[in-house]
Amino acid sequence: MKLEESLFNWLQIHLVAEARPEDRAAKETVRFFEDILTEDHGVSELAISAQDTTMIHIRYTVNGKTKMQMFGREQAEQLLSDIDANPKYH
């Protein structure tokens, strides 16, 4: 899995886990993607650094260099929206 794809997947499930603190599966999936980012891509210090109405910014470190990746907010929040829209998950 490419770095950008791993970051996006982490972001989506991270947003779900934050919005649904009782969702143990979401928390486990966050850890899964953190492991991929750490082990496969050498990422450390991973965090959402900023959000505005259109973008979410992720800051992370690779090989001692701080980097930033931005994702569209609507796309990043789509998984949470899909879960919230499904009565099975309420």
C-alpha atoms as a PDB file:
ATOM      1  CA  MET A   1       0.000   0.000   0.000  1.00  0.00           C
ATOM      2  CA  LYS A   2       1.372   3.407  -0.967  1.00  0.00           C
ATOM      3  CA  LEU A   3       2.110   6.010   1.703  1.00  0.00           C
ATOM      4  CA  GLU A   4      -0.600   8.435   0.569  1.00  0.00           C
ATOM      5  CA  GLU A   5      -3.205   5.672   0.531  1.00  0.00           C
ATOM      6  CA  SER A   6      -2.159   4.518   4.006  1.00  0.00           C
ATOM      7  CA  LEU A   7      -2.360   8.076   5.338  1.00  0.00           C
ATOM      8  CA  PHE A   8      -5.835   8.535   3.863  1.00  0.00           C
ATOM      9  CA  ASN A   9      -7.080   5.233   5.292  1.00  0.00           C
ATOM     10  CA  TRP A  10      -5.636   6.148   8.693  1.00  0.00           C
ATOM     11  CA  LEU A  11      -7.308   9.567   8.532  1.00  0.00           C
ATOM     12  CA  GLN A  12     -10.722   8.149   7.668  1.00  0.00           C
ATOM     13  CA  ILE A  13     -10.734   5.581  10.454  1.00  0.00           C
ATOM     14  CA  HIS A  14      -9.150   8.038  12.904  1.00  0.00           C
ATOM     15  CA  LEU A  15     -12.094  10.392  12.326  1.00  0.00           C
ATOM     16  CA  VAL A  16     -14.503   7.501  12.921  1.00  0.00           C
ATOM     17  CA  ALA A  17     -12.725   6.491  16.139  1.00  0.00           C
ATOM     18  CA  GLU A  18     -12.800  10.075  17.436  1.00  0.00           C
ATOM     19  CA  ALA A  19     -16.508  10.461  16.679  1.00  0.00           C
ATOM     20  CA  ARG A  20     -17.377   7.022  18.065  1.00  0.00           C
ATOM     21  CA  PRO A  21     -15.215   6.499  21.182  1.00  0.00           C
ATOM     22  CA  GLU A  22     -17.125   3.323  22.083  1.00  0.00           C
ATOM     23  CA  ASP A  23     -16.293   1.703  18.728  1.00  0.00           C
ATOM     24  CA  ARG A  24     -13.547  -0.792  19.624  1.00  0.00           C
ATOM     25  CA  ALA A  25     -13.226  -2.026  16.031  1.00  0.00           C
ATOM     26  CA  ALA A  26     -12.478   1.525  14.845  1.00  0.00           C
ATOM     27  CA  LYS A  27      -9.750   1.910  17.476  1.00  0.00           C
ATOM     28  CA  GLU A  28      -8.196  -1.415  16.467  1.00  0.00           C
ATOM     29  CA  THR A  29      -8.285  -0.379  12.809  1.00  0.00           C
ATOM     30  CA  VAL A  30      -6.560   2.919  13.659  1.00  0.00           C
ATOM     31  CA  ARG A  31      -3.756   0.901  15.293  1.00  0.00           C
ATOM     32  CA  PHE A  32      -3.608  -1.368  12.224  1.00  0.00           C
ATOM     33  CA  PHE A  33      -2.988   1.595   9.910  1.00  0.00           C
ATOM     34  CA  GLU A  34      -0.550   3.160  12.375  1.00  0.00           C
ATOM     35  CA  ASP A  35       1.409  -0.112  12.274  1.00  0.00           C
ATOM     36  CA  ILE A  36       1.445  -0.045   8.452  1.00  0.00           C
ATOM     37  CA  LEU A  37       2.609   3.559   8.448  1.00  0.00           C
ATOM     38  CA  THR A  38       5.310   2.878  11.027  1.00  0.00           C
ATOM     39  CA  GLU A  39       6.580  -0.465   9.766  1.00  0.00           C
ATOM     40  CA  ASP A  40       6.179  -0.086   5.995  1.00  0.00           C
ATOM     41  CA  HIS A  41       6.809   3.645   5.578  1.00  0.00           C
ATOM     42  CA  GLY A  42       8.892   4.672   8.607  1.00  0.00           C
ATOM     43  CA  VAL A  43       6.316   7.228   9.746  1.00  0.00           C
ATOM     44  CA  SER A  44       6.412   8.651  13.261  1.00  0.00           C
ATOM     45  CA  GLU A  45       4.767  11.581  15.026  1.00  0.00           C
ATOM     46  CA  LEU A  46       1.533  11.190  13.052  1.00  0.00           C
ATOM     47  CA  ALA A  47      -1.246  13.688  13.805  1.00  0.00           C
ATOM     48  CA  ILE A  48      -3.930  15.876  12.332  1.00  0.00           C
ATOM     49  CA  SER A  49      -2.329  19.307  12.460  1.00  0.00           C
ATOM     50  CA  ALA A  50      -5.075  21.512  11.043  1.00  0.00           C
ATOM     51  CA  GLN A  51      -8.590  21.444   9.644  1.00  0.00           C
ATOM     52  CA  ASP A  52     -10.638  23.993   7.802  1.00  0.00           C
ATOM     53  CA  THR A  53     -13.897  23.858   5.873  1.00  0.00           C
ATOM     54  CA  THR A  54     -12.354  22.087   2.882  1.00  0.00           C
ATOM     55  CA  MET A  55      -9.128  20.375   3.949  1.00  0.00           C
ATOM     56  CA  ILE A  56      -7.605  18.246   6.710  1.00  0.00           C
ATOM     57  CA  HIS A  57      -3.842  18.462   7.155  1.00  0.00           C
ATOM     58  CA  ILE A  58      -1.794  15.551   8.474  1.00  0.00           C
ATOM     59  CA  ARG A  59       1.702  16.171   9.822  1.00  0.00           C
ATOM     60  CA  TYR A  60       4.127  13.276  10.166  1.00  0.00           C
ATOM     61  CA  THR A  61       7.841  12.530  10.286  1.00  0.00           C
ATOM     62  CA  VAL A  62       9.828  10.206   7.995  1.00  0.00           C
ATOM     63  CA  ASN A  63      13.590   9.788   8.396  1.00  0.00           C
ATOM     64  CA  GLY A  64      13.757  12.791  10.704  1.00  0.00           C
ATOM     65  CA  LYS A  65      11.987  15.096   8.237  1.00  0.00           C
ATOM     66  CA  THR A  66       8.595  16.579   9.036  1.00  0.00           C
ATOM     67  CA  LYS A  67       6.119  16.373   6.179  1.00  0.00           C
ATOM     68  CA  MET A  68       2.530  17.386   5.588  1.00  0.00           C
ATOM     69  CA  GLN A  69      -0.206  15.787   3.518  1.00  0.00           C
ATOM     70  CA  MET A  70      -3.573  17.411   2.856  1.00  0.00           C
ATOM     71  CA  PHE A  71      -6.809  15.623   2.055  1.00  0.00           C
ATOM     72  CA  GLY A  72     -10.223  16.944   1.079  1.00  0.00           C
ATOM     73  CA  ARG A  73     -12.411  17.099   4.157  1.00  0.00           C
ATOM     74  CA  GLU A  74     -15.509  15.746   2.409  1.00  0.00           C
ATOM     75  CA  GLN A  75     -13.668  12.648   1.154  1.00  0.00           C
ATOM     76  CA  ALA A  76     -11.955  12.109   4.519  1.00  0.00           C
ATOM     77  CA  GLU A  77     -15.269  12.258   6.383  1.00  0.00           C
ATOM     78  CA  GLN A  78     -17.113   9.995   3.927  1.00  0.00           C
ATOM     79  CA  LEU A  79     -16.568   6.776   5.907  1.00  0.00           C
ATOM     80  CA  LEU A  80     -17.992   8.380   9.054  1.00  0.00           C
ATOM     81  CA  SER A  81     -20.953   9.722   7.057  1.00  0.00           C
ATOM     82  CA  ASP A  82     -21.608   6.272   5.596  1.00  0.00           C
ATOM     83  CA  ILE A  83     -21.493   4.666   9.042  1.00  0.00           C
ATOM     84  CA  ASP A  84     -23.764   7.315  10.545  1.00  0.00           C
ATOM     85  CA  ALA A  85     -26.244   6.886   7.684  1.00  0.00           C
ATOM     86  CA  ASN A  86     -26.566   3.146   8.289  1.00  0.00           C
ATOM     87  CA  PRO A  87     -29.088   2.389  11.074  1.00  0.00           C
ATOM     88  CA  LYS A  88     -27.363  -0.960  11.700  1.00  0.00           C
ATOM     89  CA  TYR A  89     -24.467   0.912  13.372  1.00  0.00           C
ATOM     90  CA  HIS A  90     -26.485   3.100  15.774  1.00  0.00           C
END
